[in-house]
Structures are given as C-alpha cells and as structure tokens.
Protein backbone atom coordinates (compact mmCIF):
# COMPACT_ATOMS: atom_id res chain seq x y z
CA MET A 1 106.85 98.03 101.56
CA LYS A 2 108.53 97.46 105.01
CA TRP A 3 105.10 97.69 106.82
CA ASN A 4 106.04 95.96 110.21
CA SER A 5 109.10 98.03 111.58
CA LEU A 6 107.27 100.91 110.51
CA LYS A 7 103.83 99.83 112.07
CA THR A 8 106.41 99.24 115.11
CA LYS A 9 107.83 102.86 115.13
CA ALA A 10 104.55 104.25 114.41
CA ALA A 11 102.97 102.49 117.85
CA LEU A 12 105.99 104.40 119.62
CA ALA A 13 105.63 107.52 117.77
CA SER A 14 102.13 107.28 118.50
CA THR A 15 102.45 106.85 122.27
CA ALA A 16 104.67 110.00 122.45
CA LEU A 17 101.82 111.89 120.23
CA LEU A 18 99.26 111.28 122.59
CA SER A 19 98.63 114.81 123.86
CA THR A 20 98.36 116.30 120.77
CA VAL A 21 96.93 113.78 118.31
CA ALA A 22 93.16 113.37 116.99
CA GLN A 23 90.86 113.46 114.24
CA ALA A 24 87.53 113.99 113.42
CA GLY A 25 83.71 112.87 112.69
CA PRO A 26 82.12 110.64 110.46
CA ASP A 27 79.98 110.11 107.76
CA LEU A 28 77.08 108.29 105.89
CA GLY A 29 75.32 104.88 106.39
CA GLU A 30 74.93 102.36 108.70
CA ALA A 31 77.52 100.60 111.34
CA GLN A 32 77.75 98.14 112.85
CA GLN A 33 77.60 97.97 116.80
CA GLN A 34 81.46 96.55 117.85
CA ALA A 35 83.15 95.39 120.74
CA THR A 36 83.78 98.16 123.49
CA ASN A 37 87.02 100.15 122.85
CA TRP A 38 88.50 100.57 126.43
CA HIS A 39 91.22 103.09 125.38
CA ALA A 40 88.73 105.14 123.17
CA ILE A 41 86.21 105.31 126.11
CA ILE A 42 89.12 105.95 128.55
CA MET A 43 90.54 108.60 126.37
CA PHE A 44 86.85 110.18 125.69
CA ALA A 45 86.59 110.11 129.78
CA ILE A 46 90.03 112.27 129.79
CA PHE A 47 88.77 114.54 127.14
CA VAL A 48 85.22 115.16 128.40
CA GLY A 49 86.49 115.70 132.27
CA LEU A 50 88.80 118.36 130.45
CA THR A 51 86.45 120.41 128.12
CA LEU A 52 84.10 120.49 131.49
CA PHE A 53 86.24 121.88 133.89
CA ILE A 54 86.87 124.62 130.78
CA THR A 55 83.36 124.54 130.88
CA LYS A 56 83.30 125.42 134.44
CA TRP A 57 85.93 128.08 134.62
CA ALA A 58 84.27 129.54 131.22
CA ALA A 59 80.64 129.70 133.70
CA LYS A 60 82.36 131.95 136.58
CA GLN A 61 83.56 134.60 133.68
CA THR A 62 79.88 134.53 131.65
CA THR A 63 78.01 136.76 133.53
CA ASN A 64 75.82 138.85 130.50
CA THR A 65 74.60 138.44 126.98
CA ALA A 66 77.64 139.99 125.46
CA ASP A 67 79.88 136.64 127.37
CA PHE A 68 77.52 134.39 126.59
CA TYR A 69 77.12 135.28 122.59
CA THR A 70 80.68 136.51 121.84
CA ALA A 71 82.87 135.74 125.10
CA GLY A 72 82.68 139.88 125.79
CA GLY A 73 84.84 139.99 122.59
CA GLY A 74 88.48 139.18 124.08
CA ILE A 75 89.22 136.02 121.44
CA SER A 76 92.61 137.03 119.38
CA GLY A 77 92.29 136.49 115.75
CA PHE A 78 94.66 133.65 115.99
CA GLN A 79 92.49 132.20 118.98
CA ASN A 80 89.47 132.85 116.18
CA GLY A 81 90.78 131.44 113.29
CA LEU A 82 91.88 127.92 115.23
CA ALA A 83 88.41 127.78 117.06
CA ILE A 84 87.08 128.62 113.35
CA ALA A 85 88.81 125.42 111.78
CA GLY A 86 87.83 123.28 114.67
CA ASP A 87 83.92 124.65 114.06
CA TYR A 88 84.10 123.97 110.43
CA MET A 89 85.93 120.45 109.92
CA SER A 90 82.78 118.69 111.14
CA ALA A 91 81.49 115.30 110.54
CA ALA A 92 81.74 114.95 106.58
CA SER A 93 84.74 116.60 106.24
CA PHE A 94 87.01 113.82 107.67
CA LEU A 95 85.66 110.56 107.55
CA GLY A 96 83.76 111.54 104.33
CA ILE A 97 86.38 113.19 102.20
CA SER A 98 88.80 110.42 103.07
CA ALA A 99 86.42 107.90 102.58
CA MET A 100 85.63 109.43 99.10
CA VAL A 101 89.31 109.38 98.26
CA PHE A 102 89.61 105.53 99.11
CA SER A 103 86.43 104.99 97.11
CA SER A 104 86.93 107.41 93.75
CA GLY A 105 90.15 108.64 94.19
CA PHE A 106 90.04 112.53 92.51
CA ASP A 107 86.53 112.87 93.50
CA GLY A 108 87.18 113.42 96.84
CA LEU A 109 89.42 115.94 96.38
CA LEU A 110 86.96 117.96 94.21
CA TYR A 111 84.57 117.86 97.30
CA SER A 112 87.72 119.33 100.09
CA LEU A 113 88.06 122.24 96.99
CA GLY A 114 84.40 123.15 96.88
CA PHE A 115 84.37 123.36 100.94
CA MET A 116 87.85 125.50 100.31
CA VAL A 117 86.91 128.08 97.51
CA GLY A 118 84.10 129.71 100.24
CA TRP A 119 87.11 131.44 102.43
CA PRO A 120 88.19 134.18 100.08
CA ILE A 121 84.44 134.92 100.02
CA VAL A 122 84.18 135.12 103.78
CA LEU A 123 87.51 137.21 103.55
CA PHE A 124 86.93 139.59 101.04
CA LEU A 125 83.43 139.94 101.43
CA VAL A 126 82.02 139.21 104.59
CA ALA A 127 84.26 139.15 107.41
CA GLU A 128 85.07 142.86 107.84
CA ARG A 129 81.86 144.61 107.39
CA LEU A 130 80.09 142.10 109.39
CA ARG A 131 82.10 142.68 112.63
CA ASN A 132 81.64 146.31 111.73
CA LEU A 133 77.76 146.08 111.71
CA GLY A 134 76.97 143.22 113.76
CA LYS A 135 76.81 142.86 117.58
CA TYR A 136 75.94 138.90 118.13
CA ASN A 137 74.69 137.44 114.96
CA LEU A 138 73.91 137.24 111.09
CA SER A 139 70.73 138.81 112.09
CA ASP A 140 71.81 142.20 113.35
CA VAL A 141 73.55 142.91 109.91
CA VAL A 142 71.11 142.16 107.96
CA SER A 143 68.41 143.90 109.54
CA PHE A 144 71.37 147.21 110.63
CA ARG A 145 69.19 149.51 107.82
CA LEU A 146 66.09 147.72 106.85
CA GLU A 147 62.83 147.20 109.16
CA GLU A 148 63.67 145.20 111.64
CA LYS A 149 61.06 142.72 112.91
CA PRO A 150 60.50 141.22 109.34
CA VAL A 151 64.27 141.14 108.21
CA ARG A 152 65.07 139.45 111.84
CA THR A 153 62.10 136.93 111.93
CA LEU A 154 63.53 135.99 108.27
CA ALA A 155 66.73 136.00 109.21
CA ALA A 156 66.05 133.94 112.80
CA ILE A 157 63.67 131.45 110.75
CA SER A 158 66.60 130.81 107.65
CA SER A 159 69.72 130.22 110.63
CA LEU A 160 67.78 127.86 112.29
CA VAL A 161 66.55 125.51 109.27
CA VAL A 162 70.68 125.42 108.52
CA VAL A 163 71.00 124.82 112.39
CA ALA A 164 68.87 122.01 111.96
CA PHE A 165 69.96 120.59 108.77
CA TYR A 166 73.61 120.59 110.17
CA LEU A 167 72.85 118.94 113.48
CA ILE A 168 70.86 116.34 112.00
CA ALA A 169 74.27 115.44 110.14
CA GLN A 170 76.38 115.77 113.19
CA MET A 171 73.59 113.70 115.21
CA VAL A 172 73.49 111.05 113.05
CA GLY A 173 77.16 111.09 112.50
CA ALA A 174 77.71 111.16 116.41
CA GLY A 175 75.48 108.29 117.16
CA GLN A 176 77.06 106.30 113.91
CA LEU A 177 80.63 106.40 114.79
CA ILE A 178 80.12 105.34 118.72
CA LYS A 179 78.25 102.25 117.66
CA LEU A 180 81.14 101.60 115.69
CA LEU A 181 83.81 102.57 117.75
CA PHE A 182 82.64 102.81 121.34
CA GLY A 183 80.20 99.48 121.45
CA LEU A 184 77.72 101.87 122.88
CA ASN A 185 73.72 101.78 121.27
CA TYR A 186 73.02 104.60 118.96
CA ASN A 187 70.35 105.99 120.76
CA ILE A 188 72.64 106.53 124.06
CA ALA A 189 75.58 107.69 121.83
CA VAL A 190 72.89 110.66 120.61
CA VAL A 191 71.58 111.41 124.31
CA ILE A 192 75.41 111.61 125.57
CA VAL A 193 76.75 114.11 122.54
CA GLY A 194 73.03 115.78 123.24
CA LEU A 195 73.83 116.18 126.61
CA LEU A 196 77.63 117.87 126.59
CA MET A 197 76.60 119.60 124.09
CA MET A 198 73.82 121.01 126.23
CA ALA A 199 76.37 121.43 129.42
CA TYR A 200 78.92 123.22 127.50
CA VAL A 201 76.65 126.03 126.01
CA MET A 202 74.21 126.47 128.73
CA PHE A 203 76.86 127.02 131.26
CA GLY A 204 79.86 127.80 129.44
CA GLY A 205 78.75 129.78 126.54
CA MET A 206 80.84 130.98 123.68
CA LEU A 207 83.94 130.94 125.87
CA ALA A 208 83.86 127.51 126.49
CA THR A 209 82.96 126.51 123.22
CA THR A 210 85.48 128.37 121.86
CA TRP A 211 88.05 126.36 123.83
CA VAL A 212 86.81 122.92 123.02
CA GLN A 213 86.90 124.30 119.40
CA ILE A 214 90.52 124.83 120.05
CA ILE A 215 91.60 122.06 121.82
CA LYS A 216 89.58 119.71 119.03
CA ALA A 217 91.48 121.61 116.33
CA VAL A 218 94.77 120.82 117.36
CA MET A 219 94.23 117.45 118.15
CA LEU A 220 92.57 116.85 114.60
CA LEU A 221 95.48 118.22 113.25
CA SER A 222 98.14 116.78 115.04
CA GLY A 223 96.82 113.40 114.60
CA ALA A 224 95.81 113.80 110.78
CA THR A 225 99.70 114.89 110.23
CA PHE A 226 100.77 112.24 112.04
CA MET A 227 98.57 109.61 110.04
CA ALA A 228 99.67 111.19 106.84
CA PHE A 229 103.55 111.56 107.72
CA MET A 230 103.13 107.94 108.20
CA VAL A 231 101.60 107.12 104.68
CA MET A 232 104.15 109.52 103.02
CA HIS A 233 106.99 107.78 105.21
CA SER A 234 106.05 104.22 103.49
CA VAL A 235 106.24 105.63 99.70
CA GLY A 236 109.48 107.46 100.16
CA TYR A 237 107.74 110.41 100.52
CA SER A 238 107.04 110.87 96.89
CA PHE A 239 103.37 111.77 95.55
CA SER A 240 103.88 109.82 92.40
CA GLU A 241 104.88 106.54 94.20
CA MET A 242 101.85 107.02 96.80
CA PHE A 243 99.75 107.64 93.31
CA LYS A 244 100.98 104.72 91.70
CA GLN A 245 101.37 101.98 94.25
CA SER A 246 97.27 102.91 95.09
CA ILE A 247 96.57 102.30 91.29
CA ASP A 248 98.07 98.87 91.55
CA VAL A 249 96.13 98.17 94.64
CA PHE A 250 92.94 99.61 94.00
CA ALA A 251 92.94 97.08 90.58
CA LYS A 252 94.16 94.03 92.74
CA VAL A 253 91.11 94.80 95.38
CA HIS A 254 88.65 95.81 93.19
CA ASP A 255 89.16 92.98 90.29
CA VAL A 256 90.07 95.40 87.49
CA SER A 257 92.29 96.53 85.04
CA LEU A 258 95.28 98.57 85.67
CA GLU A 259 93.68 101.04 82.95
CA ASP A 260 89.95 101.11 85.11
CA ALA A 261 92.15 101.61 88.45
CA SER A 262 93.96 104.61 86.69
CA LYS A 263 90.76 106.41 86.39
CA ILE A 264 90.73 107.29 89.99
CA MET A 265 93.34 109.64 89.09
CA GLY A 266 90.36 112.05 87.61
CA PRO A 267 87.08 113.03 87.60
CA GLY A 268 84.27 110.45 87.56
CA SER A 269 81.03 109.78 89.54
CA LEU A 270 80.66 113.79 90.79
CA ALA A 271 80.75 115.11 87.62
CA LYS A 272 78.12 112.59 85.85
CA ASN A 273 75.66 114.93 85.84
CA PRO A 274 76.95 118.28 85.60
CA LEU A 275 73.79 120.36 87.10
CA ASP A 276 74.58 118.22 90.19
CA ALA A 277 78.06 119.03 90.46
CA LEU A 278 77.60 122.71 89.55
CA SER A 279 74.80 122.94 92.20
CA LEU A 280 76.92 121.48 94.94
CA GLY A 281 79.52 123.82 93.95
CA LEU A 282 77.48 126.86 94.22
CA ALA A 283 76.42 125.95 97.63
CA LEU A 284 79.53 124.61 98.95
CA MET A 285 81.36 127.94 97.38
CA PHE A 286 78.51 130.52 98.87
CA GLY A 287 76.97 128.52 101.45
CA THR A 288 80.18 129.22 103.84
CA ALA A 289 79.83 132.70 103.99
CA GLY A 290 75.66 131.78 104.89
CA LEU A 291 76.11 129.28 107.87
CA PRO A 292 75.23 131.06 110.96
CA HIS A 293 77.65 129.28 113.37
CA ILE A 294 80.76 130.18 111.58
CA LEU A 295 79.64 133.98 110.73
CA MET A 296 78.46 134.59 114.94
CA ARG A 297 82.44 133.33 115.13
CA PHE A 298 83.44 137.03 113.77
CA PHE A 299 82.23 138.75 116.82
CA THR A 300 84.13 137.27 119.44
CA VAL A 301 87.16 139.53 118.34
CA LYS A 302 87.50 142.90 119.32
CA ASP A 303 87.76 144.72 115.81
CA ALA A 304 88.01 143.96 111.82
CA LYS A 305 91.40 143.80 111.78
CA GLU A 306 91.15 140.51 114.00
CA ALA A 307 88.15 139.28 111.92
CA ARG A 308 90.03 139.14 108.82
CA LYS A 309 93.23 137.80 110.46
CA SER A 310 90.90 134.98 111.64
CA VAL A 311 89.44 134.10 107.96
CA VAL A 312 93.58 134.15 107.45
CA VAL A 313 94.38 131.54 109.91
CA ALA A 314 91.11 129.18 109.67
CA THR A 315 91.79 129.40 105.79
CA GLY A 316 95.61 127.71 106.19
CA PHE A 317 94.46 125.31 108.77
CA ILE A 318 91.73 124.22 107.02
CA GLY A 319 93.50 124.03 103.52
CA TYR A 320 96.36 122.08 105.91
CA PHE A 321 93.64 119.42 106.68
CA TYR A 322 91.97 118.80 103.31
CA LEU A 323 95.31 118.24 101.95
CA LEU A 324 95.80 116.02 104.59
CA THR A 325 92.45 113.85 104.32
CA PHE A 326 93.62 113.57 100.40
CA ILE A 327 96.87 111.41 101.60
CA ILE A 328 94.83 109.32 103.97
CA GLY A 329 92.28 108.63 101.29
CA PHE A 330 95.13 107.19 99.59
CA GLY A 331 96.74 105.77 102.51
CA ALA A 332 93.67 103.80 103.21
CA ILE A 333 93.73 102.46 99.52
CA LEU A 334 97.26 101.25 100.16
CA PHE A 335 96.87 99.52 103.80
CA VAL A 336 93.54 99.31 104.54
CA SER A 337 91.84 98.03 101.35
CA ASN A 338 94.08 95.06 101.10
CA ASN A 339 94.25 94.00 104.77
CA PRO A 340 92.21 91.34 105.74
CA GLN A 341 91.46 92.38 109.30
CA PHE A 342 89.55 95.77 108.21
CA ILE A 343 87.73 93.60 105.41
CA ASP A 344 83.85 92.98 105.89
CA VAL A 345 83.87 89.23 103.77
CA ALA A 346 79.97 88.38 104.88
CA LYS A 347 78.97 92.02 103.80
CA MET A 348 81.26 91.50 100.43
CA ALA A 349 79.24 88.15 99.45
CA VAL A 350 76.32 90.53 99.41
CA THR A 351 77.07 93.24 97.90
CA GLY A 352 80.05 92.06 95.44
CA LYS A 353 81.87 94.80 96.17
CA LEU A 354 84.64 96.02 98.68
CA GLU A 355 83.38 96.56 102.01
CA LEU A 356 85.19 97.80 105.07
CA VAL A 357 83.96 96.31 108.84
CA GLY A 358 81.54 99.53 109.89
CA GLY A 359 81.26 100.66 106.33
CA ASN A 360 84.02 102.55 103.47
CA ASN A 361 83.25 105.82 105.81
CA MET A 362 85.61 103.95 108.79
CA ALA A 363 88.66 103.76 105.98
CA ALA A 364 90.80 106.76 107.77
CA VAL A 365 89.55 105.24 111.18
CA HIS A 366 91.32 101.60 110.05
CA LEU A 367 94.24 103.54 108.73
CA SER A 368 94.41 104.81 112.20
CA ASP A 369 94.68 101.32 113.39
CA ALA A 370 97.11 100.43 110.75
CA VAL A 371 99.68 102.90 111.42
CA GLY A 372 99.66 103.18 115.04
CA GLY A 373 97.96 100.40 116.64
CA ASP A 374 95.07 99.99 118.97
CA LEU A 375 96.34 102.81 121.37
CA PHE A 376 96.55 105.58 118.57
CA MET A 377 93.51 103.95 117.15
CA GLY A 378 91.72 104.66 120.51
CA PHE A 379 92.61 108.08 120.54
CA ILE A 380 91.57 109.02 117.26
CA SER A 381 87.94 107.23 118.15
CA ALA A 382 87.67 109.59 121.21
CA VAL A 383 88.60 112.68 119.29
CA ALA A 384 85.92 111.57 116.46
CA PHE A 385 83.37 111.98 119.15
CA ALA A 386 84.63 115.25 120.44
CA THR A 387 84.87 116.70 117.21
CA ILE A 388 81.14 116.71 116.83
CA LEU A 389 80.68 117.80 119.98
CA ALA A 390 82.60 120.90 119.30
CA VAL A 391 80.86 121.31 115.82
CA VAL A 392 77.56 120.94 118.03
CA ALA A 393 78.25 123.39 120.29
CA GLY A 394 78.90 125.86 118.00
CA LEU A 395 75.63 125.14 116.40
CA THR A 396 73.22 124.97 119.25
CA LEU A 397 75.14 128.41 120.48
CA SER A 398 73.97 130.06 117.18
CA GLY A 399 70.16 128.65 117.41
CA ALA A 400 69.53 129.55 121.03
CA SER A 401 71.15 133.05 119.61
CA ALA A 402 68.38 133.04 116.64
CA ILE A 403 65.38 132.16 118.95
CA SER A 404 66.53 134.79 122.22
CA HIS A 405 68.49 137.54 120.80
CA ASP A 406 66.08 137.79 117.83
CA LEU A 407 62.72 136.09 117.75
CA TYR A 408 62.41 136.68 121.89
CA ALA A 409 64.53 139.60 122.45
CA ASN A 410 63.75 141.98 119.11
CA VAL A 411 61.07 140.45 117.59
CA LEU A 412 58.69 139.48 120.53
CA LYS A 413 59.64 142.18 123.32
CA LYS A 414 60.10 144.55 120.64
CA GLY A 415 63.94 145.63 122.35
CA GLN A 416 62.67 146.08 126.29
CA THR A 417 63.87 143.44 127.71
CA THR A 418 66.77 143.25 130.48
CA PRO A 419 70.31 141.28 129.49
CA GLU A 420 69.19 138.88 132.38
CA SER A 421 65.83 138.01 130.76
CA GLU A 422 67.60 137.50 127.65
CA LEU A 423 70.56 135.26 128.74
CA ARG A 424 67.77 132.97 130.77
CA MET A 425 65.63 132.87 127.53
CA SER A 426 69.27 131.87 125.01
CA LYS A 427 69.78 128.88 128.47
CA ILE A 428 65.64 127.52 127.97
CA ALA A 429 66.61 127.78 124.20
CA THR A 430 69.89 125.64 124.54
CA LEU A 431 67.74 123.16 126.45
CA GLY A 432 65.26 122.95 123.90
CA LEU A 433 67.48 122.86 121.08
CA ALA A 434 69.36 120.16 123.03
CA ILE A 435 66.43 117.98 123.17
CA PHE A 436 65.38 118.40 119.23
CA ALA A 437 68.76 117.72 118.33
CA MET A 438 68.72 114.38 120.43
CA ILE A 439 64.82 113.60 118.56
CA LEU A 440 66.15 114.48 114.87
CA GLY A 441 69.39 112.54 115.64
CA ILE A 442 67.33 109.15 116.70
CA LEU A 443 64.71 109.73 113.77
CA PHE A 444 67.48 109.95 111.17
CA GLU A 445 69.21 107.30 111.91
CA LYS A 446 69.73 106.01 108.59
CA GLN A 447 70.50 109.59 106.64
CA ASN A 448 73.44 110.01 104.71
CA VAL A 449 75.68 112.71 106.83
CA ALA A 450 77.87 114.11 103.99
CA PHE A 451 74.40 114.76 101.84
CA MET A 452 72.78 116.27 104.93
CA VAL A 453 75.68 118.65 105.37
CA GLY A 454 75.50 119.47 101.69
CA LEU A 455 71.92 120.64 101.95
CA ALA A 456 73.21 122.90 104.76
CA PHE A 457 75.27 124.45 102.62
CA SER A 458 72.51 124.79 99.86
CA VAL A 459 69.98 126.54 102.26
CA ALA A 460 72.77 128.97 103.80
CA ALA A 461 73.89 129.88 100.34
CA CYS A 462 70.27 130.25 99.11
CA ALA A 463 68.44 131.97 101.77
CA ASN A 464 71.34 133.48 103.75
CA PHE A 465 74.12 134.71 101.46
CA PRO A 466 72.34 136.79 99.53
CA VAL A 467 70.36 138.75 101.37
CA LEU A 468 73.41 139.02 103.85
CA VAL A 469 75.37 140.37 101.26
CA LEU A 470 72.73 142.78 99.60
CA SER A 471 71.94 144.08 102.75
CA MET A 472 75.81 144.90 103.34
CA PHE A 473 76.80 146.43 99.37
CA TRP A 474 73.51 147.44 97.50
CA LYS A 475 72.33 150.66 98.82
CA GLY A 476 68.94 149.86 97.13
CA LEU A 477 67.94 146.82 98.96
CA THR A 478 64.50 147.97 100.78
CA THR A 479 62.97 145.57 103.53
CA ARG A 480 60.59 144.27 101.08
CA GLY A 481 62.96 142.93 98.63
CA ALA A 482 64.91 141.37 101.43
CA VAL A 483 62.17 139.39 102.72
CA ILE A 484 60.89 138.31 99.86
CA GLY A 485 64.17 137.46 98.42
CA GLY A 486 65.20 135.26 101.21
CA VAL A 487 61.39 133.70 102.04
CA VAL A 488 61.66 132.53 98.08
CA GLY A 489 65.17 131.06 98.24
CA LEU A 490 64.89 129.38 101.43
CA VAL A 491 61.24 128.18 100.56
CA THR A 492 62.52 126.97 96.85
CA ALA A 493 65.45 125.23 98.88
CA VAL A 494 63.80 123.23 101.45
CA THR A 495 60.98 122.48 98.52
CA LEU A 496 63.38 120.69 96.42
CA ILE A 497 65.15 118.90 99.04
CA ILE A 498 62.28 117.58 100.60
CA LEU A 499 61.55 116.44 96.56
CA SER A 500 64.54 114.90 96.39
CA LYS A 501 65.47 111.03 96.11
CA ALA A 502 67.16 111.33 99.67
CA VAL A 503 63.97 112.81 101.46
CA TRP A 504 60.83 112.15 99.34
CA VAL A 505 62.20 107.86 98.61
CA ASP A 506 64.79 107.19 100.81
CA THR A 507 63.63 108.76 104.02
CA LEU A 508 59.64 109.59 103.70
CA LYS A 509 59.39 106.91 101.71
CA ILE A 510 56.40 107.94 100.28
CA SER A 511 57.37 106.77 96.26
CA ASP A 512 59.63 104.70 94.20
CA THR A 513 60.71 107.60 92.36
CA PRO A 514 61.74 111.18 93.38
CA ILE A 515 59.53 114.53 91.95
CA ASN A 516 62.71 115.96 92.15
CA SER A 517 65.52 114.43 90.30
CA PHE A 518 68.28 116.88 91.36
CA ASN A 519 70.25 116.25 94.55
CA GLY A 520 71.31 119.97 94.75
CA PRO A 521 68.80 122.63 95.25
CA ALA A 522 71.10 125.81 95.14
CA ILE A 523 71.40 126.15 91.27
CA PHE A 524 67.66 126.54 90.90
CA ALA A 525 66.80 128.52 94.75
CA MET A 526 70.11 130.59 95.19
CA PRO A 527 69.25 132.89 91.54
C-alpha cells in the first residue's frame, strides 16, 4: 500500500476539512489515562464556545413551555431529520460498531442493521399519528383517550427508566473516552459533561438542543465520510479488495490460518445463542419507536407531513452513517491492527490477544490518527466528546419533560398549573437529572456501554412501544389493560436485566453465576 504518500495527502486534506469533520462517542471497557491531547482540548473548547453561544441565543427565544419542550414547533422537517440523526448516533453507535467490525467482521454489520430496521416502523406506524395526537411527549399520546393519571404516571416512569439506562451509557462512555483522549481524570470528565448538558437544556431548551445535535451530526458525518474515503482510496475503491486485504491482515495479526480469518466475513459470536440474538433484534427493531428522546423530536415540527419528512431524512443519514462505520471497522483492521504505534504490548502479554492502546473500542479513533495525523485525530476526539453532549442533552430534556409536564403538571397538580411554574419545575428537574447522571456515571465506571444502550432499547421495546402502538391503533384498549401491560413489560424487563450476568455478577457482584443466563429481556418481556 502506498501509505506514506497517502498519509501526507490525508493530513493536508484533513486540515482543509476541519470545519466539517468529526466522529461519535465511546464504548465499553476500561481506558487508560493518556497524556494531555492539546489538539483535542483546543478544538473541543472551540466547539463548546460555539454551542454555548447558540444556547445564549436560544435562551432569548425560549419564553414558555412550548418553546422549552418543542422549540415552538418551528423546526423544519430537514432540520429535524438531521437533529434526529444527531440524537440517534450515540456513544455505542460509532466506536462500538466499528470496534465490533474490527474484532469480528460481519457481526458488526448485523448490529448496525438492527439499529436501522427500527426506522421503517417509526415512519409507517408512529410518526404521523404521534404528531397529530401529542403536544410535548410520549405520555400525551398514550393518555389521549385513556384515564390520564395512571397512564401518564406509567409512561413517565418507563420513560425515566429508559433515560436512566441511556444516560449511564453516555456518561460512562464520556468519562472513558475523555480519560483516554484528553488525559483528564474520569470523574472530572463526567462532571464536565454533566455541567454542559445542564447548561444547554436548562437555558436553551429544545432549540439549543436541536442546534447542538444538528452541528454534531454534520461534523460526525463529514469526519466519518473522510475516514471511509481514505480507506477506500487505499484499496482502489474496491470492496472485494478491502475484504481480501482485511482477511490477510487479520490472519497475520491474530496468528490464525486464512481459512479461520475468512470467518470474519460471516456471522459468528452474535448468533452463538439464537435466543440472545433474537432478543437483541427485537429490542433494536421495536425499541427505536419507544425511545422518549427520539419521539419527543416529532413535536418540534409544525405538522404530520414534516414529521414524516423528518423520519425519511433521519433514516437516510443514519443508514449512510452505519455503512461508513462498516468501512471504518475494516479500515482499522488494515491500518491499525498491524501498526506498532497503536498496539498495547503490555496488555497483549497478559491476555495473549490483540490489544489496542486504550482498548479495542478505540479502533476508529486510532484509524483517524493513521489517516489524518494528530490534527485530525484531535478534532475527531473533540467531536466524539461533543457527540455525547448532543445525546445527553436530548435525554435530559425528555427526562425533564416526564417529570415536569407529566408527573408535576398533569398528575400531581391535575393540570391546574401555570406555564411559568411548569417551566420552573422543568429547569429544577434538569438540574436534578444532571446531578443524577453524574452520580450514575461515576458509580458505573466499569460497565459495558454498548450493552447498557441495548438495555435501554429493551426497556423501550417492552414498556413503551406496546402501549404506544395499542393506544394509537386499538380502540378496545382500556386504561386497566394499558397500565397492567406496561407495568408487566417494565418490571419483567428490569428484573431480567438485574438478574443477568452484566448486573448480578459484574456490577453488583452478588454471585459468580447469574440467575438469568440470557442477556436480552425483550424476547420474554415484550410479548
């Protein structure tokens, strides 16, 4: 490979691309604290300065609850689609899936397809009716023709559980990524993310959150495009050549035969337990239509037509992004796995397996260094952090609306409240959620981030999705049926999660063997 000349071109190109480049967030496992990366810190400071300026502008436009929750319904379908993409392409999406491709090839594509197939369900089943029936959030739709108090309470609690699981994933991911890339202490990193997300949401509401997500999506897609382009350029723009070279390199670095290495081109570890694979598929497919921070975005457009347009735009950008992560994963096999600069020799001596500096989940970040040098990697690192900020802002806003709009204004006060007091309560809820997220991030430091995202999807699929769809399409649904169904789905999903290996053994350390041997609860809790 003519890599030196290619790298020189890449470094020049990356400098020109700085205004439109970037990546997404982190994933599982521990990361070692690295030396301070000044390129990343300077670029991150520029990004934070820009977004805080937007927040200041948005704060002047945000004068009532409609502005705070939905940006006054003034976002266009295209803008909202881009913001949804920015909200959806989260911590596990980028580094997690590219790392999965790097480690096991085809399995990573299966995972990304799972994230993708949920969008047609959102488009054909949910988007239009959601926009027509609701005002601010998921609970408005579910309680539209049912008894309001019990249904709203259930919808708010299940939304908060989903938000909590998702927040753990994002906060842990932020801390691990920043510890690796910026050389900052893990706890400090988590606190910085918490404070920034609180500022965006508390002062700028949905308008600031939307623009943070749009900027992040543009930068992320541009950066991922550049990396994928450099990988394809190196193999003559041929997928078959990329796969062939990847198998050769994989065999060499893992010290296996070509026949064994070629197995990365087919399904492997994900399908070892068919029930787990099926459960994960169900969660990813139906969980998307139950994620409160995604559903909330459909109320920011003026009508159902713009809501449908939002989904089409978002699906296009998200599908393109997952295709890029697949190329980036194979690019990491080609240019990271055989480069001594990125190999953790000390850790390899202990595990006997290929180990990258900072963990294998940093494969895409190391690839950015390989194709664009320190400057490009610094920028990628900064926007990886920014990616998490965009996602946690959306999560915090949906959590705050569940507390202030549902539990406070409609359940506790029975609708007898003023917009001013509801807005004040939403800002108090934002403060509380930010503190809660920081504590969770510190407590769950060593938890698997991609798995936590999977759990958020599982709870959304088991508790939110069935009640939402039945409330919109089945006239025979009663309040009692909705509440019992939602509670059973929520309690079953959470109980199975607590009894699984990831929580019972790895986090709580109650026993060496889990009570529930299955990782995904959706196949049992969703029906």
